[in-house]
PDB file of N, CA and C in Angstrom:
ATOM      1  N   MET A   1     108.763  96.940  76.777  1.00  0.00           N
ATOM      2  CA  MET A   1     110.177  97.039  76.486  1.00  0.00           C
ATOM      3  C   MET A   1     110.332  97.667  75.118  1.00  0.00           C
ATOM      4  N   ILE A   2     111.393  98.433  74.986  1.00  0.00           N
ATOM      5  CA  ILE A   2     111.722  99.016  73.692  1.00  0.00           C
ATOM      6  C   ILE A   2     113.163  98.648  73.344  1.00  0.00           C
ATOM      7  N   GLU A   3     113.414  98.549  72.054  1.00  0.00           N
ATOM      8  CA  GLU A   3     114.782  98.263  71.614  1.00  0.00           C
ATOM      9  C   GLU A   3     115.433  99.576  71.194  1.00  0.00           C
ATOM     10  N   LEU A   4     116.590  99.815  71.746  1.00  0.00           N
ATOM     11  CA  LEU A   4     117.340 101.025  71.439  1.00  0.00           C
ATOM     12  C   LEU A   4     118.070 100.863  70.116  1.00  0.00           C
ATOM     13  N   PRO A   5     118.490 101.962  69.482  1.00  0.00           N
ATOM     14  CA  PRO A   5     119.200 101.882  68.197  1.00  0.00           C
ATOM     15  C   PRO A   5     120.459 101.014  68.247  1.00  0.00           C
ATOM     16  N   ASN A   6     121.100 100.911  69.420  1.00  0.00           N
ATOM     17  CA  ASN A   6     122.312 100.098  69.538  1.00  0.00           C
ATOM     18  C   ASN A   6     122.008  98.616  69.774  1.00  0.00           C
ATOM     19  N   GLY A   7     120.725  98.234  69.753  1.00  0.00           N
ATOM     20  CA  GLY A   7     120.336  96.840  69.916  1.00  0.00           C
ATOM     21  C   GLY A   7     120.011  96.441  71.348  1.00  0.00           C
ATOM     22  N   GLU A   8     120.378  97.274  72.317  1.00  0.00           N
ATOM     23  CA  GLU A   8     120.046  96.968  73.713  1.00  0.00           C
ATOM     24  C   GLU A   8     118.560  97.221  73.955  1.00  0.00           C
ATOM     25  N   GLN A   9     118.055  96.626  75.034  1.00  0.00           N
ATOM     26  CA  GLN A   9     116.645  96.815  75.378  1.00  0.00           C
ATOM     27  C   GLN A   9     116.518  97.675  76.616  1.00  0.00           C
ATOM     28  N   ASP A  10     115.482  98.444  76.669  1.00  0.00           N
ATOM     29  CA  ASP A  10     115.201  99.302  77.812  1.00  0.00           C
ATOM     30  C   ASP A  10     113.716  99.194  78.112  1.00  0.00           C
ATOM     31  N   ILE A  11     113.371  99.505  79.339  1.00  0.00           N
ATOM     32  CA  ILE A  11     111.977  99.457  79.760  1.00  0.00           C
ATOM     33  C   ILE A  11     111.431 100.876  79.765  1.00  0.00           C
ATOM     34  N   GLU A  12     110.306 101.061  79.114  1.00  0.00           N
ATOM     35  CA  GLU A  12     109.651 102.359  79.095  1.00  0.00           C
ATOM     36  C   GLU A  12     108.408 102.249  79.979  1.00  0.00           C
ATOM     37  N   TYR A  13     108.312 103.133  80.956  1.00  0.00           N
ATOM     38  CA  TYR A  13     107.197 103.092  81.894  1.00  0.00           C
ATOM     39  C   TYR A  13     106.168 104.139  81.520  1.00  0.00           C
ATOM     40  N   VAL A  14     104.925 103.709  81.484  1.00  0.00           N
ATOM     41  CA  VAL A  14     103.828 104.609  81.168  1.00  0.00           C
ATOM     42  C   VAL A  14     102.976 104.732  82.425  1.00  0.00           C
ATOM     43  N   THR A  15     102.922 105.936  82.976  1.00  0.00           N
ATOM     44  CA  THR A  15     102.083 106.158  84.152  1.00  0.00           C
ATOM     45  C   THR A  15     100.702 106.565  83.671  1.00  0.00           C
ATOM     46  N   LYS A  16      99.688 105.869  84.182  1.00  0.00           N
ATOM     47  CA  LYS A  16      98.317 106.142  83.758  1.00  0.00           C
ATOM     48  C   LYS A  16      97.355 105.479  84.730  1.00  0.00           C
ATOM     49  N   LYS A  17      96.093 105.826  84.606  1.00  0.00           N
ATOM     50  CA  LYS A  17      95.033 105.178  85.375  1.00  0.00           C
ATOM     51  C   LYS A  17      94.303 104.217  84.449  1.00  0.00           C
ATOM     52  N   VAL A  18      94.072 103.004  84.953  1.00  0.00           N
ATOM     53  CA  VAL A  18      93.410 101.975  84.163  1.00  0.00           C
ATOM     54  C   VAL A  18      92.194 101.499  84.950  1.00  0.00           C
ATOM     55  N   ASN A  19      91.029 101.476  84.296  1.00  0.00           N
ATOM     56  CA  ASN A  19      89.787 101.054  84.940  1.00  0.00           C
ATOM     57  C   ASN A  19      89.423  99.632  84.553  1.00  0.00           C
ATOM     58  N   HIS A  20      88.918  98.882  85.543  1.00  0.00           N
ATOM     59  CA  HIS A  20      88.469  97.507  85.328  1.00  0.00           C
ATOM     60  C   HIS A  20      87.117  97.333  86.019  1.00  0.00           C
ATOM     61  N   LYS A  21      86.138  96.831  85.296  1.00  0.00           N
ATOM     62  CA  LYS A  21      84.839  96.565  85.891  1.00  0.00           C
ATOM     63  C   LYS A  21      84.899  95.219  86.608  1.00  0.00           C
ATOM     64  N   THR A  22      84.565  95.220  87.905  1.00  0.00           N
ATOM     65  CA  THR A  22      84.557  93.997  88.704  1.00  0.00           C
ATOM     66  C   THR A  22      83.198  93.857  89.380  1.00  0.00           C
ATOM     67  N   SER A  23      82.914  92.703  89.924  1.00  0.00           N
ATOM     68  CA  SER A  23      81.639  92.487  90.614  1.00  0.00           C
ATOM     69  C   SER A  23      81.403  93.467  91.762  1.00  0.00           C
ATOM     70  N   PRO A  24      82.414  93.724  92.618  1.00  0.00           N
ATOM     71  CA  PRO A  24      82.186  94.673  93.715  1.00  0.00           C
ATOM     72  C   PRO A  24      82.158  96.131  93.279  1.00  0.00           C
ATOM     73  N   GLY A  25      82.557  96.455  92.050  1.00  0.00           N
ATOM     74  CA  GLY A  25      82.544  97.837  91.589  1.00  0.00           C
ATOM     75  C   GLY A  25      83.677  98.121  90.623  1.00  0.00           C
ATOM     76  N   MET A  26      83.853  99.402  90.303  1.00  0.00           N
ATOM     77  CA  MET A  26      84.897  99.823  89.362  1.00  0.00           C
ATOM     78  C   MET A  26      86.241  99.902  90.085  1.00  0.00           C
ATOM     79  N   LEU A  27      87.207  99.137  89.589  1.00  0.00           N
ATOM     80  CA  LEU A  27      88.548  99.114  90.155  1.00  0.00           C
ATOM     81  C   LEU A  27      89.445  99.984  89.284  1.00  0.00           C
ATOM     82  N   THR A  28      90.021 101.029  89.887  1.00  0.00           N
ATOM     83  CA  THR A  28      90.934 101.919  89.168  1.00  0.00           C
ATOM     84  C   THR A  28      92.345 101.678  89.681  1.00  0.00           C
ATOM     85  N   VAL A  29      93.246 101.345  88.771  1.00  0.00           N
ATOM     86  CA  VAL A  29      94.648 101.123  89.093  1.00  0.00           C
ATOM     87  C   VAL A  29      95.426 102.344  88.628  1.00  0.00           C
ATOM     88  N   ASP A  30      96.169 102.952  89.543  1.00  0.00           N
ATOM     89  CA  ASP A  30      96.999 104.110  89.230  1.00  0.00           C
ATOM     90  C   ASP A  30      98.421 103.613  89.003  1.00  0.00           C
ATOM     91  N   VAL A  31      98.744 103.270  87.758  1.00  0.00           N
ATOM     92  CA  VAL A  31     100.045 102.708  87.414  1.00  0.00           C
ATOM     93  C   VAL A  31     101.108 103.799  87.557  1.00  0.00           C
ATOM     94  N   GLN A  32     102.134 103.515  88.374  1.00  0.00           N
ATOM     95  CA  GLN A  32     103.205 104.476  88.626  1.00  0.00           C
ATOM     96  C   GLN A  32     104.556 103.841  88.334  1.00  0.00           C
ATOM     97  N   GLN A  33     105.623 104.548  88.634  1.00  0.00           N
ATOM     98  CA  GLN A  33     106.984 104.065  88.377  1.00  0.00           C
ATOM     99  C   GLN A  33     107.361 102.912  89.314  1.00  0.00           C
ATOM    100  N   LEU A  34     108.458 102.238  88.971  1.00  0.00           N
ATOM    101  CA  LEU A  34     109.000 101.188  89.828  1.00  0.00           C
ATOM    102  C   LEU A  34     109.513 101.799  91.128  1.00  0.00           C
ATOM    103  N   SER A  35     109.403 101.012  92.210  1.00  0.00           N
ATOM    104  CA  SER A  35     109.941 101.477  93.481  1.00  0.00           C
ATOM    105  C   SER A  35     111.257 100.778  93.812  1.00  0.00           C
ATOM    106  N   CYS A  36     111.425  99.526  93.387  1.00  0.00           N
ATOM    107  CA  CYS A  36     112.679  98.802  93.571  1.00  0.00           C
ATOM    108  C   CYS A  36     112.681  97.574  92.666  1.00  0.00           C
ATOM    109  N   ASP A  37     113.864  97.189  92.203  1.00  0.00           N
ATOM    110  CA  ASP A  37     114.029  96.033  91.308  1.00  0.00           C
ATOM    111  C   ASP A  37     112.905  95.977  90.283  1.00  0.00           C
ATOM    112  N   ASP A  38     112.100  94.899  90.316  1.00  0.00           N
ATOM    113  CA  ASP A  38     110.996  94.755  89.361  1.00  0.00           C
ATOM    114  C   ASP A  38     109.641  95.037  90.005  1.00  0.00           C
ATOM    115  N   THR A  39     109.644  95.737  91.120  1.00  0.00           N
ATOM    116  CA  THR A  39     108.402  95.986  91.842  1.00  0.00           C
ATOM    117  C   THR A  39     107.839  97.358  91.481  1.00  0.00           C
ATOM    118  N   GLY A  40     106.626  97.346  90.939  1.00  0.00           N
ATOM    119  CA  GLY A  40     105.955  98.589  90.586  1.00  0.00           C
ATOM    120  C   GLY A  40     105.218  99.174  91.772  1.00  0.00           C
ATOM    121  N   SER A  41     104.590 100.294  91.547  1.00  0.00           N
ATOM    122  CA  SER A  41     103.752 100.944  92.546  1.00  0.00           C
ATOM    123  C   SER A  41     102.413 101.184  91.883  1.00  0.00           C
ATOM    124  N   ASN A  42     101.362 100.542  92.392  1.00  0.00           N
ATOM    125  CA  ASN A  42     100.061 100.552  91.736  1.00  0.00           C
ATOM    126  C   ASN A  42      98.916 100.778  92.721  1.00  0.00           C
ATOM    127  N   PRO A  43      98.804 101.974  93.312  1.00  0.00           N
ATOM    128  CA  PRO A  43      97.687 102.231  94.219  1.00  0.00           C
ATOM    129  C   PRO A  43      96.361 101.976  93.502  1.00  0.00           C
ATOM    130  N   ILE A  44      95.376 101.486  94.251  1.00  0.00           N
ATOM    131  CA  ILE A  44      94.079 101.175  93.645  1.00  0.00           C
ATOM    132  C   ILE A  44      92.952 101.861  94.403  1.00  0.00           C
ATOM    133  N   THR A  45      91.849 102.055  93.700  1.00  0.00           N
ATOM    134  CA  THR A  45      90.618 102.561  94.292  1.00  0.00           C
ATOM    135  C   THR A  45      89.472 101.707  93.764  1.00  0.00           C
ATOM    136  N   LEU A  46      88.615 101.255  94.664  1.00  0.00           N
ATOM    137  CA  LEU A  46      87.429 100.501  94.292  1.00  0.00           C
ATOM    138  C   LEU A  46      86.225 101.373  94.618  1.00  0.00           C
ATOM    139  N   GLU A  47      85.397 101.630  93.613  1.00  0.00           N
ATOM    140  CA  GLU A  47      84.229 102.496  93.811  1.00  0.00           C
ATOM    141  C   GLU A  47      82.959 101.683  93.581  1.00  0.00           C
ATOM    142  N   HIS A  48      82.022 101.810  94.545  1.00  0.00           N
ATOM    143  CA  HIS A  48      80.741 101.105  94.463  1.00  0.00           C
ATOM    144  C   HIS A  48      79.657 101.989  95.066  1.00  0.00           C
ATOM    145  N   LYS A  49      78.672 102.328  94.265  1.00  0.00           N
ATOM    146  CA  LYS A  49      77.533 103.144  94.704  1.00  0.00           C
ATOM    147  C   LYS A  49      77.968 104.424  95.408  1.00  0.00           C
ATOM    148  N   GLY A  50      78.945 105.115  94.825  1.00  0.00           N
ATOM    149  CA  GLY A  50      79.401 106.401  95.353  1.00  0.00           C
ATOM    150  C   GLY A  50      80.368 106.320  96.517  1.00  0.00           C
ATOM    151  N   LYS A  51      80.656 105.134  97.007  1.00  0.00           N
ATOM    152  CA  LYS A  51      81.619 104.970  98.094  1.00  0.00           C
ATOM    153  C   LYS A  51      82.922 104.435  97.525  1.00  0.00           C
ATOM    154  N   LYS A  52      84.036 104.842  98.143  1.00  0.00           N
ATOM    155  CA  LYS A  52      85.351 104.451  97.639  1.00  0.00           C
ATOM    156  C   LYS A  52      86.182 103.759  98.718  1.00  0.00           C
ATOM    157  N   LEU A  53      86.924 102.767  98.281  1.00  0.00           N
ATOM    158  CA  LEU A  53      87.915 102.092  99.109  1.00  0.00           C
ATOM    159  C   LEU A  53      89.244 102.264  98.402  1.00  0.00           C
ATOM    160  N   ALA A  54      90.215 102.874  99.068  1.00  0.00           N
ATOM    161  CA  ALA A  54      91.531 103.102  98.468  1.00  0.00           C
ATOM    162  C   ALA A  54      92.582 102.294  99.218  1.00  0.00           C
ATOM    163  N   ILE A  55      93.438 101.641  98.473  1.00  0.00           N
ATOM    164  CA  ILE A  55      94.590 100.939  99.031  1.00  0.00           C
ATOM    165  C   ILE A  55      95.807 101.534  98.342  1.00  0.00           C
ATOM    166  N   ASN A  56      96.593 102.269  99.101  1.00  0.00           N
ATOM    167  CA  ASN A  56      97.680 103.039  98.513  1.00  0.00           C
ATOM    168  C   ASN A  56      99.007 102.305  98.418  1.00  0.00           C
ATOM    169  N   HIS A  57      99.279 101.368  99.293  1.00  0.00           N
ATOM    170  CA  HIS A  57     100.578 100.703  99.313  1.00  0.00           C
ATOM    171  C   HIS A  57     100.477  99.345  98.617  1.00  0.00           C
ATOM    172  N   ILE A  58     100.381  99.400  97.301  1.00  0.00           N
ATOM    173  CA  ILE A  58     100.302  98.195  96.488  1.00  0.00           C
ATOM    174  C   ILE A  58     101.554  98.143  95.624  1.00  0.00           C
ATOM    175  N   GLY A  59     102.224  97.008  95.643  1.00  0.00           N
ATOM    176  CA  GLY A  59     103.395  96.830  94.782  1.00  0.00           C
ATOM    177  C   GLY A  59     102.947  96.279  93.448  1.00  0.00           C
ATOM    178  N   ASN A  60     103.586  95.209  92.996  1.00  0.00           N
ATOM    179  CA  ASN A  60     103.112  94.526  91.792  1.00  0.00           C
ATOM    180  C   ASN A  60     101.700  94.043  92.070  1.00  0.00           C
ATOM    181  N   LEU A  61     100.870  94.064  91.078  1.00  0.00           N
ATOM    182  CA  LEU A  61      99.445  93.840  91.289  1.00  0.00           C
ATOM    183  C   LEU A  61      98.910  92.771  90.365  1.00  0.00           C
ATOM    184  N   GLN A  62      98.151  91.867  90.948  1.00  0.00           N
ATOM    185  CA  GLN A  62      97.348  90.916  90.191  1.00  0.00           C
ATOM    186  C   GLN A  62      96.005  90.855  90.884  1.00  0.00           C
ATOM    187  N   PHE A  63      94.942  90.676  90.111  1.00  0.00           N
ATOM    188  CA  PHE A  63      93.637  90.515  90.732  1.00  0.00           C
ATOM    189  C   PHE A  63      92.789  89.572  89.896  1.00  0.00           C
ATOM    190  N   PHE A  64      91.838  88.936  90.569  1.00  0.00           N
ATOM    191  CA  PHE A  64      90.911  88.035  89.894  1.00  0.00           C
ATOM    192  C   PHE A  64      89.654  87.913  90.739  1.00  0.00           C
ATOM    193  N   GLU A  65      88.590  87.433  90.112  1.00  0.00           N
ATOM    194  CA  GLU A  65      87.335  87.201  90.823  1.00  0.00           C
ATOM    195  C   GLU A  65      87.043  85.707  90.826  1.00  0.00           C
ATOM    196  N   TYR A  66      86.558  85.233  91.971  1.00  0.00           N
ATOM    197  CA  TYR A  66      86.252  83.813  92.094  1.00  0.00           C
ATOM    198  C   TYR A  66      85.279  83.618  93.249  1.00  0.00           C
ATOM    199  N   ASP A  67      84.393  82.655  93.116  1.00  0.00           N
ATOM    200  CA  ASP A  67      83.436  82.332  94.174  1.00  0.00           C
ATOM    201  C   ASP A  67      83.998  81.188  95.023  1.00  0.00           C
ATOM    202  N   VAL A  68      84.852  81.522  95.973  1.00  0.00           N
ATOM    203  CA  VAL A  68      85.526  80.512  96.788  1.00  0.00           C
ATOM    204  C   VAL A  68      84.556  79.775  97.712  1.00  0.00           C
ATOM    205  N   ASP A  69      83.605  80.514  98.298  1.00  0.00           N
ATOM    206  CA  ASP A  69      82.699  79.895  99.277  1.00  0.00           C
ATOM    207  C   ASP A  69      81.400  79.369  98.661  1.00  0.00           C
ATOM    208  N   ASN A  70      81.321  79.319  97.337  1.00  0.00           N
ATOM    209  CA  ASN A  70      80.168  78.763  96.613  1.00  0.00           C
ATOM    210  C   ASN A  70      78.825  79.355  97.030  1.00  0.00           C
ATOM    211  N   ASP A  71      78.796  80.677  97.264  1.00  0.00           N
ATOM    212  CA  ASP A  71      77.529  81.328  97.623  1.00  0.00           C
ATOM    213  C   ASP A  71      76.908  82.040  96.421  1.00  0.00           C
ATOM    214  N   LYS A  72      77.381  81.719  95.215  1.00  0.00           N
ATOM    215  CA  LYS A  72      76.907  82.287  93.958  1.00  0.00           C
ATOM    216  C   LYS A  72      77.214  83.778  93.809  1.00  0.00           C
ATOM    217  N   SER A  73      78.195  84.259  94.558  1.00  0.00           N
ATOM    218  CA  SER A  73      78.649  85.644  94.472  1.00  0.00           C
ATOM    219  C   SER A  73      80.173  85.640  94.452  1.00  0.00           C
ATOM    220  N   LYS A  74      80.739  86.234  93.412  1.00  0.00           N
ATOM    221  CA  LYS A  74      82.199  86.248  93.290  1.00  0.00           C
ATOM    222  C   LYS A  74      82.824  87.257  94.238  1.00  0.00           C
ATOM    223  N   GLU A  75      83.963  86.886  94.803  1.00  0.00           N
ATOM    224  CA  GLU A  75      84.769  87.786  95.616  1.00  0.00           C
ATOM    225  C   GLU A  75      85.913  88.293  94.732  1.00  0.00           C
ATOM    226  N   LEU A  76      86.386  89.489  95.032  1.00  0.00           N
ATOM    227  CA  LEU A  76      87.521  90.062  94.324  1.00  0.00           C
ATOM    228  C   LEU A  76      88.767  89.808  95.166  1.00  0.00           C
ATOM    229  N   TYR A  77      89.769  89.184  94.571  1.00  0.00           N
ATOM    230  CA  TYR A  77      91.031  88.928  95.250  1.00  0.00           C
ATOM    231  C   TYR A  77      92.099  89.805  94.624  1.00  0.00           C
ATOM    232  N   ILE A  78      92.793  90.554  95.462  1.00  0.00           N
ATOM    233  CA  ILE A  78      93.854  91.440  95.015  1.00  0.00           C
ATOM    234  C   ILE A  78      95.150  90.947  95.633  1.00  0.00           C
ATOM    235  N   LEU A  79      96.123  90.641  94.799  1.00  0.00           N
ATOM    236  CA  LEU A  79      97.430  90.182  95.263  1.00  0.00           C
ATOM    237  C   LEU A  79      98.441  91.279  95.016  1.00  0.00           C
ATOM    238  N   SER A  80      99.186  91.603  96.044  1.00  0.00           N
ATOM    239  CA  SER A  80     100.248  92.595  95.943  1.00  0.00           C
ATOM    240  C   SER A  80     101.538  91.934  96.406  1.00  0.00           C
ATOM    241  N   TYR A  81     102.579  92.064  95.597  1.00  0.00           N
ATOM    242  CA  TYR A  81     103.851  91.459  95.993  1.00  0.00           C
ATOM    243  C   TYR A  81     105.009  92.357  95.593  1.00  0.00           C
ATOM    244  N   ALA A  82     106.087  92.228  96.330  1.00  0.00           N
ATOM    245  CA  ALA A  82     107.317  92.966  96.041  1.00  0.00           C
ATOM    246  C   ALA A  82     108.479  91.993  96.090  1.00  0.00           C
ATOM    247  N   SER A  83     109.058  91.731  94.939  1.00  0.00           N
ATOM    248  CA  SER A  83     110.184  90.804  94.864  1.00  0.00           C
ATOM    249  C   SER A  83     111.359  91.302  95.683  1.00  0.00           C
ATOM    250  N   CYS A  84     111.605  92.607  95.641  1.00  0.00           N
ATOM    251  CA  CYS A  84     112.776  93.159  96.314  1.00  0.00           C
ATOM    252  C   CYS A  84     112.635  93.151  97.835  1.00  0.00           C
ATOM    253  N   GLN A  85     111.409  93.078  98.339  1.00  0.00           N
ATOM    254  CA  GLN A  85     111.195  93.075  99.788  1.00  0.00           C
ATOM    255  C   GLN A  85     110.700  91.724 100.285  1.00  0.00           C
ATOM    256  N   GLY A  86     110.407  90.823  99.376  1.00  0.00           N
ATOM    257  CA  GLY A  86     110.014  89.469  99.738  1.00  0.00           C
ATOM    258  C   GLY A  86     108.690  89.371 100.476  1.00  0.00           C
ATOM    259  N   TYR A  87     107.646  90.049  99.988  1.00  0.00           N
ATOM    260  CA  TYR A  87     106.352  89.916 100.655  1.00  0.00           C
ATOM    261  C   TYR A  87     105.235  89.706  99.650  1.00  0.00           C
ATOM    262  N   LEU A  88     104.159  89.132 100.160  1.00  0.00           N
ATOM    263  CA  LEU A  88     102.940  88.923  99.401  1.00  0.00           C
ATOM    264  C   LEU A  88     101.776  89.277 100.309  1.00  0.00           C
ATOM    265  N   LYS A  89     100.870  90.130  99.833  1.00  0.00           N
ATOM    266  CA  LYS A  89      99.648  90.466 100.561  1.00  0.00           C
ATOM    267  C   LYS A  89      98.474  90.059  99.700  1.00  0.00           C
ATOM    268  N   ILE A  90      97.461  89.476 100.334  1.00  0.00           N
ATOM    269  CA  ILE A  90      96.253  89.080  99.627  1.00  0.00           C
ATOM    270  C   ILE A  90      95.063  89.778 100.280  1.00  0.00           C
ATOM    271  N   TYR A  91      94.301  90.512  99.480  1.00  0.00           N
ATOM    272  CA  TYR A  91      93.102  91.184  99.949  1.00  0.00           C
ATOM    273  C   TYR A  91      91.901  90.461  99.350  1.00  0.00           C
ATOM    274  N   ARG A  92      90.872  90.241 100.162  1.00  0.00           N
ATOM    275  CA  ARG A  92      89.627  89.613  99.695  1.00  0.00           C
ATOM    276  C   ARG A  92      88.517  90.639  99.891  1.00  0.00           C
ATOM    277  N   ILE A  93      87.822  90.958  98.824  1.00  0.00           N
ATOM    278  CA  ILE A  93      86.757  91.959  98.884  1.00  0.00           C
ATOM    279  C   ILE A  93      85.494  91.327  98.326  1.00  0.00           C
ATOM    280  N   SER A  94      84.415  91.414  99.102  1.00  0.00           N
ATOM    281  CA  SER A  94      83.131  90.915  98.638  1.00  0.00           C
ATOM    282  C   SER A  94      82.062  91.938  98.948  1.00  0.00           C
ATOM    283  N   LYS A  95      81.003  91.933  98.167  1.00  0.00           N
ATOM    284  CA  LYS A  95      79.913  92.857  98.464  1.00  0.00           C
ATOM    285  C   LYS A  95      78.869  92.120  99.285  1.00  0.00           C
ATOM    286  N   ARG A  96      78.194  92.871 100.131  1.00  0.00           N
ATOM    287  CA  ARG A  96      77.175  92.274 101.004  1.00  0.00           C
ATOM    288  C   ARG A  96      75.814  92.767 100.640  1.00  0.00           C
TER     289      ARG A  96
END
């Protein structure tokens, strides 16, 4: 958020690619403009050993790694939600 000279606040959007190292591989988030209300557009690509997995229809994005099944290997969980459309998608990615 930025404050304008008249004291009001405005949101400044920066479109860029952001890389995150995860257990299954390099996760690249392509941060884009809002699509509706407070819902962003954040297509992702996961790259591992030269292979890529792309998920293009991602709204607001959160991700974390956790070993849910206690097999000593963390899974990557990607949460995508859109407040304006009322949905939540959860992706679980693990390496084999």
